[in-house]
Amino acid sequence: MISICLLGASGSIGSQTLEVMESYPHDFALTAFSVGHQTRKISPIIKRFPSVSMICVQEKSAMNKYAKKYPNLRFFYGNEGLVSLVECSHAEMIVNALVGFVGLVPSLTALENNRLLALANKESLVVGGELIKDLLSRGKGKLFPIDSEHVALAKCLAVDSKNVKNLILTASGGSFRHLAREDLKNVTPEQALHHPTWKMGSKITIDSATMMNKTFEIIEAHYLFDYPFSKIKVIIHDESMIHSMIEYKGGTYRLDIGKADMRVPITYALSQGLCLYQTYLCSDYRQFAEYHFSPLSAKRFPVIKWAKKVIAKKGTFGAVLNAANEAAVSAFIKGKISFLDIERIVSILMKKHANIEHPTLKDILEVDAVTRQMAAKLINK
């Protein structure tokens, strides 16, 4: 039985992780979790998983309240509390289902403490890919992706990683995939949050509509599988049934096919890739007549170009890309800026940035803070 510390238990991925764990009660034991501001979920989770001994919340007042209610449990709070939860829980596996930059330091802490890291937090690799790769290269911990696209690639590469021509990520195209750019000027947050094939949190749903989500996934694929940008492609796939694929030099393709259900890749990550699965080898993925594909247009989705820059330059460009996007997406959801302003703000800040090569964690934290300040000024204008 593997003991698990779940960061972000109250979110979409976190909730589905709990469902997977309940399906395999003899394989996984939840020993610690975090819920941020969603403290109302603490009691139900404790009832479902009596093995829990530690919990992290966002506010100190909430920590004090629940510490009195559950005197036999240990509580932490804030971002520092997340790190303490990872360190003190001694869980064998850390599932990082946090959303945003806040997930970076817990990911680094997990690997530094030689834990298994099941990673759904895209930002950890986008912002701190070099730091994470350095830890893994020194034998610190192990990393298992949770994103459906990267799990799909991992499955296909595990079956056959020879003579690979390209890694191909599939993209749904998001909420506005059938709209031209001129039709995007007045779209609302409510419209953007209506995803055509997946049920996800608000941040990732907006990122899917701008294609920033796929931009992040290209960067993730680079760090996870050591392929250059030139060998990582993206195609639009309306049905989200093919989660990603490998193109071989001989002209064949290996695909991972299945319904849009995040519990499948979560199970793969929790089982460390040792679960049963099947990939499909074909001469042409377009032979599936019931599925629809189209090329990704860089003019329609201009943020995709930033993946190339982050991969080529590395350094602190990933930190700027993420911080600018997080600030802009939050402002859009609150109605402060338009949908197209998201990519404008990102573009301005990426072009202004003076890169720091081989950054330390301190460098990344400082660049993140400065970028958010600059984004706030642009938003207020």
Protein backbone atom coordinates (compact mmCIF):
# COMPACT_ATOMS: atom_id res chain seq x y z
CA MET A 1 0.00 0.00 0.00
CA ILE A 2 1.30 3.44 -0.97
CA SER A 3 0.75 6.39 1.36
CA ILE A 4 -0.32 9.56 -0.44
CA CYS A 5 -0.23 13.27 0.33
CA LEU A 6 -2.73 15.04 -1.94
CA LEU A 7 -2.16 18.73 -2.60
CA GLY A 8 -5.31 20.39 -3.96
CA ALA A 9 -7.84 17.82 -2.76
CA SER A 10 -10.74 20.25 -3.26
CA GLY A 11 -10.15 20.88 -6.97
CA SER A 12 -11.22 18.95 -10.06
CA ILE A 13 -8.12 16.72 -10.28
CA GLY A 14 -7.96 16.35 -6.51
CA SER A 15 -11.58 15.23 -6.26
CA GLN A 16 -11.11 12.67 -9.01
CA THR A 17 -7.90 11.45 -7.36
CA LEU A 18 -9.92 10.71 -4.23
CA GLU A 19 -12.40 8.74 -6.35
CA VAL A 20 -9.57 6.67 -7.83
CA MET A 21 -8.15 5.98 -4.38
CA GLU A 22 -11.56 4.80 -3.16
CA SER A 23 -11.68 2.40 -6.09
CA TYR A 24 -8.41 0.81 -4.92
CA PRO A 25 -8.66 0.85 -1.10
CA HIS A 26 -5.97 -1.82 -0.69
CA ASP A 27 -3.45 0.01 -2.87
CA PHE A 28 -3.53 3.60 -1.63
CA ALA A 29 -3.86 5.30 1.76
CA LEU A 30 -4.47 9.03 2.09
CA THR A 31 -2.36 10.36 4.95
CA ALA A 32 -2.39 14.11 4.25
CA PHE A 33 -4.17 16.65 2.05
CA SER A 34 -4.68 20.34 1.40
CA VAL A 35 -7.90 22.17 0.51
CA GLY A 36 -6.91 25.85 0.37
CA HIS A 37 -9.98 27.97 1.10
CA GLN A 38 -12.42 25.08 0.57
CA THR A 39 -12.47 24.09 4.24
CA ARG A 40 -16.03 22.75 4.06
CA LYS A 41 -14.56 19.73 2.27
CA ILE A 42 -12.36 18.75 5.21
CA SER A 43 -14.97 16.82 7.20
CA PRO A 44 -16.29 14.75 4.25
CA ILE A 45 -12.75 13.78 3.21
CA ILE A 46 -11.83 12.75 6.75
CA LYS A 47 -14.94 10.55 6.92
CA ARG A 48 -14.02 8.88 3.64
CA PHE A 49 -10.34 8.48 4.56
CA PRO A 50 -9.79 7.87 8.29
CA SER A 51 -6.07 7.30 7.57
CA VAL A 52 -5.55 11.10 7.32
CA SER A 53 -3.31 12.60 9.99
CA MET A 54 -2.33 16.01 8.52
CA ILE A 55 -4.19 18.79 6.70
CA CYS A 56 -3.23 22.15 5.23
CA VAL A 57 -5.61 25.10 4.74
CA GLN A 58 -4.96 28.59 3.39
CA GLU A 59 -5.85 30.81 6.35
CA LYS A 60 -4.44 30.71 9.89
CA SER A 61 -7.90 31.35 11.36
CA ALA A 62 -9.25 28.28 9.56
CA MET A 63 -6.32 26.23 10.82
CA ASN A 64 -7.06 27.22 14.42
CA LYS A 65 -10.77 26.46 13.98
CA TYR A 66 -10.27 22.98 12.59
CA ALA A 67 -7.40 22.17 14.94
CA LYS A 68 -9.88 22.60 17.82
CA LYS A 69 -12.49 20.51 16.03
CA TYR A 70 -10.01 17.71 15.24
CA PRO A 71 -7.41 17.73 18.06
CA ASN A 72 -5.96 14.39 16.95
CA LEU A 73 -4.96 15.80 13.55
CA ARG A 74 -2.06 18.08 12.73
CA PHE A 75 -2.84 21.26 10.77
CA PHE A 76 -0.77 23.67 8.66
CA TYR A 77 -1.67 26.83 6.77
CA GLY A 78 -0.52 28.95 3.84
CA ASN A 79 2.02 28.26 1.15
CA GLU A 80 4.61 27.42 3.78
CA GLY A 81 2.14 24.92 5.17
CA LEU A 82 2.07 23.09 1.85
CA VAL A 83 5.83 22.58 2.06
CA SER A 84 5.55 21.44 5.68
CA LEU A 85 2.79 19.02 4.71
CA VAL A 86 5.04 17.43 2.08
CA GLU A 87 7.97 17.18 4.46
CA CYS A 88 6.15 16.09 7.63
CA SER A 89 3.63 13.67 6.17
CA HIS A 90 6.40 11.25 5.09
CA ALA A 91 3.99 10.07 2.38
CA GLU A 92 5.61 7.90 -0.26
CA MET A 93 3.81 9.74 -3.08
CA ILE A 94 2.94 13.41 -3.39
CA VAL A 95 0.06 14.12 -5.78
CA ASN A 96 0.38 17.76 -6.81
CA ALA A 97 -3.05 18.85 -8.08
CA LEU A 98 -2.56 22.50 -7.16
CA VAL A 99 -3.39 25.17 -9.74
CA GLY A 100 -0.80 27.78 -10.62
CA PHE A 101 2.62 28.94 -9.48
CA VAL A 102 1.91 27.91 -5.90
CA GLY A 103 2.60 24.30 -6.96
CA LEU A 104 6.26 24.84 -7.85
CA VAL A 105 7.92 24.80 -4.42
CA PRO A 106 5.92 21.76 -3.18
CA SER A 107 7.00 19.87 -6.32
CA LEU A 108 10.66 20.72 -5.71
CA THR A 109 10.28 19.81 -2.04
CA ALA A 110 8.79 16.43 -2.92
CA LEU A 111 11.69 15.53 -5.21
CA GLU A 112 14.31 16.90 -2.83
CA ASN A 113 12.88 14.52 -0.21
CA ASN A 114 13.06 11.57 -2.66
CA ARG A 115 9.30 11.15 -2.94
CA LEU A 116 7.31 9.89 -5.89
CA LEU A 117 5.69 12.92 -7.52
CA ALA A 118 2.44 12.51 -9.46
CA LEU A 119 2.23 15.87 -11.19
CA ALA A 120 -0.88 17.61 -12.48
CA ASN A 121 0.53 21.07 -11.76
CA LYS A 122 1.69 22.21 -15.21
CA GLU A 123 3.32 25.33 -13.84
CA SER A 124 5.96 23.31 -11.98
CA LEU A 125 7.60 22.30 -15.26
CA VAL A 126 6.78 25.47 -17.20
CA VAL A 127 8.38 27.68 -14.56
CA GLY A 128 10.90 25.35 -12.89
CA GLY A 129 11.66 22.75 -15.55
CA GLU A 130 15.42 23.17 -15.25
CA LEU A 131 15.34 22.84 -11.47
CA ILE A 132 13.17 19.72 -11.66
CA LYS A 133 15.33 18.11 -14.35
CA ASP A 134 18.42 18.78 -12.24
CA LEU A 135 16.89 17.04 -9.22
CA LEU A 136 15.79 14.04 -11.28
CA SER A 137 19.22 13.77 -12.94
CA ARG A 138 20.76 13.54 -9.47
CA GLY A 139 18.47 10.65 -8.58
CA LYS A 140 16.12 12.70 -6.43
CA GLY A 141 12.64 11.20 -6.47
CA LYS A 142 10.62 10.11 -9.49
CA LEU A 143 8.13 12.02 -11.61
CA PHE A 144 4.89 10.69 -13.11
CA PRO A 145 2.69 13.03 -15.19
CA ILE A 146 -1.06 13.22 -14.70
CA ASP A 147 -2.00 15.34 -17.74
CA SER A 148 -3.90 13.09 -20.13
CA GLU A 149 -1.73 14.14 -23.07
CA HIS A 150 1.54 13.35 -21.35
CA VAL A 151 0.26 10.09 -19.92
CA ALA A 152 -0.74 9.16 -23.47
CA LEU A 153 2.76 9.94 -24.73
CA ALA A 154 4.33 8.02 -21.84
CA LYS A 155 2.21 4.96 -22.66
CA CYS A 156 3.11 5.06 -26.34
CA LEU A 157 6.83 5.59 -25.68
CA ALA A 158 6.84 2.75 -23.14
CA VAL A 159 5.60 0.40 -25.86
CA ASP A 160 8.04 1.62 -28.54
CA SER A 161 10.38 4.60 -28.30
CA LYS A 162 12.58 3.74 -31.30
CA ASN A 163 12.62 5.76 -34.53
CA VAL A 164 10.30 8.44 -33.20
CA LYS A 165 9.79 11.28 -35.66
CA ASN A 166 7.38 13.47 -33.67
CA LEU A 167 5.39 13.65 -30.47
CA ILE A 168 1.89 14.84 -31.35
CA LEU A 169 -0.27 16.50 -28.70
CA THR A 170 -3.97 16.73 -29.43
CA ALA A 171 -5.94 19.85 -28.50
CA SER A 172 -9.68 20.30 -28.23
CA GLY A 173 -9.43 23.89 -29.40
CA GLY A 174 -11.33 25.11 -26.35
CA SER A 175 -14.63 26.90 -25.99
CA PHE A 176 -14.17 29.16 -29.02
CA ARG A 177 -12.54 26.75 -31.46
CA HIS A 178 -15.10 27.49 -34.19
CA LEU A 179 -14.89 31.27 -33.83
CA ALA A 180 -12.67 33.52 -35.95
CA ARG A 181 -10.40 35.97 -34.14
CA GLU A 182 -12.65 38.91 -34.95
CA ASP A 183 -15.47 37.12 -33.12
CA LEU A 184 -13.46 36.96 -29.88
CA LYS A 185 -13.57 40.65 -29.01
CA ASN A 186 -16.70 40.51 -26.88
CA VAL A 187 -16.82 36.93 -25.58
CA THR A 188 -17.61 36.59 -21.87
CA PRO A 189 -16.02 34.55 -19.08
CA GLU A 190 -19.21 32.50 -18.86
CA GLN A 191 -18.87 31.55 -22.53
CA ALA A 192 -15.17 30.78 -22.13
CA LEU A 193 -15.84 28.46 -19.18
CA HIS A 194 -18.10 26.22 -21.27
CA HIS A 195 -15.63 23.60 -22.50
CA PRO A 196 -16.85 21.35 -25.33
CA THR A 197 -15.41 18.02 -24.15
CA TRP A 198 -13.79 18.22 -20.68
CA LYS A 199 -15.01 19.24 -17.24
CA MET A 200 -12.15 21.16 -15.65
CA GLY A 201 -11.42 24.02 -13.29
CA SER A 202 -11.91 27.63 -14.40
CA LYS A 203 -8.22 28.51 -14.88
CA ILE A 204 -7.40 25.56 -17.14
CA THR A 205 -10.66 26.01 -19.08
CA ILE A 206 -9.74 29.61 -19.96
CA ASP A 207 -6.21 28.44 -20.82
CA SER A 208 -7.74 25.90 -23.17
CA ALA A 209 -9.69 28.62 -24.95
CA THR A 210 -6.58 30.78 -25.48
CA MET A 211 -4.44 27.69 -26.23
CA MET A 212 -2.10 28.63 -23.38
CA ASN A 213 -2.87 25.22 -21.89
CA LYS A 214 -1.38 23.55 -24.96
CA THR A 215 1.52 26.01 -24.95
CA PHE A 216 2.29 24.83 -21.42
CA GLU A 217 1.93 21.19 -22.48
CA ILE A 218 4.51 21.58 -25.24
CA ILE A 219 6.95 22.87 -22.63
CA GLU A 220 6.01 20.02 -20.30
CA ALA A 221 6.56 17.45 -23.04
CA HIS A 222 10.01 18.87 -23.69
CA TYR A 223 11.05 18.47 -20.07
CA LEU A 224 9.34 15.13 -19.52
CA PHE A 225 10.55 13.32 -22.63
CA ASP A 226 13.67 15.27 -23.72
CA TYR A 227 12.42 16.07 -27.21
CA PRO A 228 13.17 19.44 -28.88
CA PHE A 229 10.44 21.89 -29.83
CA SER A 230 10.81 20.92 -33.49
CA LYS A 231 9.67 17.37 -32.70
CA ILE A 232 6.62 18.33 -30.60
CA LYS A 233 3.55 19.00 -32.74
CA VAL A 234 -0.06 19.94 -31.98
CA ILE A 235 -3.24 19.12 -33.91
CA ILE A 236 -6.85 20.08 -33.16
CA HIS A 237 -9.01 17.05 -32.40
CA ASP A 238 -12.65 17.93 -31.72
CA GLU A 239 -13.76 14.82 -29.84
CA SER A 240 -10.80 14.57 -27.39
CA MET A 241 -10.83 10.79 -27.81
CA ILE A 242 -7.23 10.47 -29.01
CA HIS A 243 -5.27 11.91 -26.11
CA SER A 244 -1.96 12.16 -27.94
CA MET A 245 0.17 10.07 -30.29
CA ILE A 246 3.62 9.18 -31.56
CA GLU A 247 4.59 9.50 -35.21
CA TYR A 248 7.34 7.08 -36.24
CA LYS A 249 9.87 7.62 -39.02
CA GLY A 250 8.41 4.69 -40.94
CA GLY A 251 5.13 6.58 -41.33
CA THR A 252 3.06 4.79 -38.70
CA TYR A 253 1.36 6.25 -35.62
CA ARG A 254 0.84 4.94 -32.11
CA LEU A 255 -2.22 6.36 -30.32
CA ASP A 256 -3.79 6.39 -26.88
CA ILE A 257 -7.57 6.37 -27.33
CA GLY A 258 -10.28 6.66 -24.69
CA LYS A 259 -13.09 8.77 -23.31
CA ALA A 260 -12.40 12.18 -21.79
CA ASP A 261 -12.07 10.90 -18.23
CA MET A 262 -9.22 12.19 -16.06
CA ARG A 263 -9.53 9.23 -13.71
CA VAL A 264 -7.73 7.14 -16.35
CA PRO A 265 -4.46 9.15 -16.37
CA ILE A 266 -4.71 9.65 -12.61
CA THR A 267 -4.81 5.87 -12.18
CA TYR A 268 -1.77 5.57 -14.45
CA ALA A 269 0.19 8.08 -12.36
CA LEU A 270 -0.82 6.64 -8.99
CA SER A 271 0.12 3.13 -10.14
CA GLN A 272 3.46 4.45 -11.47
CA GLY A 273 2.61 3.28 -14.97
CA LEU A 274 2.07 -0.32 -13.85
CA CYS A 275 -1.63 -0.52 -14.72
CA LEU A 276 -3.07 -2.28 -17.75
CA TYR A 277 -3.50 -0.17 -20.88
CA GLN A 278 -3.59 -0.54 -24.64
CA THR A 279 -2.15 1.61 -27.42
CA TYR A 280 -3.15 1.50 -31.07
CA LEU A 281 -0.78 1.28 -34.04
CA CYS A 282 -2.09 2.54 -37.37
CA SER A 283 -0.85 3.79 -40.72
CA ASP A 284 -2.83 7.03 -40.49
CA TYR A 285 -4.76 8.44 -37.53
CA ARG A 286 -7.18 10.09 -40.00
CA GLN A 287 -8.54 6.63 -40.77
CA PHE A 288 -10.86 7.08 -37.77
CA ALA A 289 -13.75 8.50 -39.79
CA GLU A 290 -15.81 9.38 -36.72
CA TYR A 291 -13.12 11.76 -35.45
CA HIS A 292 -12.34 15.24 -36.73
CA PHE A 293 -8.89 16.79 -37.03
CA SER A 294 -7.56 20.14 -38.20
CA PRO A 295 -4.16 21.86 -38.17
CA LEU A 296 -3.32 24.30 -35.41
CA SER A 297 -3.20 27.87 -36.72
CA ALA A 298 -0.56 30.05 -35.08
CA LYS A 299 -2.45 33.10 -36.38
CA ARG A 300 -5.65 31.96 -34.70
CA PHE A 301 -3.86 30.97 -31.47
CA PRO A 302 -0.79 33.27 -31.28
CA VAL A 303 0.21 32.34 -27.70
CA ILE A 304 1.50 28.99 -28.98
CA LYS A 305 4.68 30.70 -30.21
CA TRP A 306 5.82 31.31 -26.64
CA ALA A 307 6.45 27.58 -26.15
CA LYS A 308 9.28 27.80 -28.68
CA LYS A 309 10.87 30.74 -26.88
CA VAL A 310 10.63 29.16 -23.43
CA ILE A 311 12.16 25.90 -24.67
CA ALA A 312 14.90 27.63 -26.67
CA LYS A 313 15.89 30.29 -24.11
CA LYS A 314 14.80 28.58 -20.86
CA GLY A 315 15.92 30.65 -17.89
CA THR A 316 13.13 32.80 -16.46
CA PHE A 317 10.97 33.11 -19.58
CA GLY A 318 8.72 30.33 -18.27
CA ALA A 319 8.19 32.26 -15.04
CA VAL A 320 7.15 35.37 -16.99
CA LEU A 321 4.86 33.42 -19.29
CA ASN A 322 3.06 31.81 -16.38
CA ALA A 323 2.84 34.87 -14.10
CA ALA A 324 1.57 37.14 -16.88
CA ASN A 325 -1.00 34.55 -17.90
CA GLU A 326 -2.19 33.85 -14.34
CA ALA A 327 -2.69 37.56 -13.69
CA ALA A 328 -4.45 38.14 -17.00
CA VAL A 329 -6.75 35.12 -16.72
CA SER A 330 -7.77 36.14 -13.20
CA ALA A 331 -8.55 39.65 -14.44
CA PHE A 332 -10.60 38.30 -17.35
CA ILE A 333 -12.67 36.05 -15.09
CA LYS A 334 -13.37 39.09 -12.89
CA GLY A 335 -14.47 41.11 -15.92
CA LYS A 336 -11.58 43.60 -15.72
CA ILE A 337 -10.16 42.91 -19.20
CA SER A 338 -11.34 41.38 -22.48
CA PHE A 339 -10.53 37.86 -23.66
CA LEU A 340 -8.02 39.08 -26.25
CA ASP A 341 -6.31 41.22 -23.61
CA ILE A 342 -4.97 38.00 -22.05
CA GLU A 343 -2.62 37.30 -24.95
CA ARG A 344 -1.79 41.02 -25.33
CA ILE A 345 -0.60 41.26 -21.72
CA VAL A 346 1.41 38.06 -22.03
CA SER A 347 3.01 39.30 -25.25
CA ILE A 348 4.00 42.69 -23.80
CA LEU A 349 5.65 41.17 -20.74
CA MET A 350 7.42 38.38 -22.64
CA LYS A 351 8.91 40.91 -25.05
CA LYS A 352 10.05 43.20 -22.21
CA HIS A 353 11.73 40.50 -20.15
CA ALA A 354 15.51 40.33 -19.74
CA ASN A 355 16.16 36.62 -19.31
CA ILE A 356 18.12 35.16 -16.40
CA GLU A 357 19.91 32.02 -17.55
CA HIS A 358 20.11 29.04 -15.16
CA PRO A 359 18.00 30.75 -12.48
CA THR A 360 17.89 29.76 -8.85
CA LEU A 361 14.58 29.29 -7.09
CA LYS A 362 15.09 32.75 -5.57
CA ASP A 363 15.47 34.22 -9.07
CA ILE A 364 12.24 32.56 -10.21
CA LEU A 365 10.31 33.78 -7.17
CA GLU A 366 11.52 37.34 -7.74
CA VAL A 367 10.71 37.30 -11.46
CA ASP A 368 7.25 35.93 -10.70
CA ALA A 369 6.55 38.73 -8.23
CA VAL A 370 7.84 41.50 -10.52
CA THR A 371 5.90 40.15 -13.51
CA ARG A 372 2.65 40.13 -11.53
CA GLN A 373 3.25 43.74 -10.52
CA MET A 374 3.81 44.73 -14.13
CA ALA A 375 0.73 42.78 -15.22
CA ALA A 376 -1.37 44.55 -12.60
CA LYS A 377 -0.37 47.93 -14.01
CA LEU A 378 -1.32 46.85 -17.53
CA ILE A 379 -4.65 45.50 -16.27
CA ASN A 380 -5.45 48.72 -14.41
CA LYS A 381 -4.83 50.72 -17.57
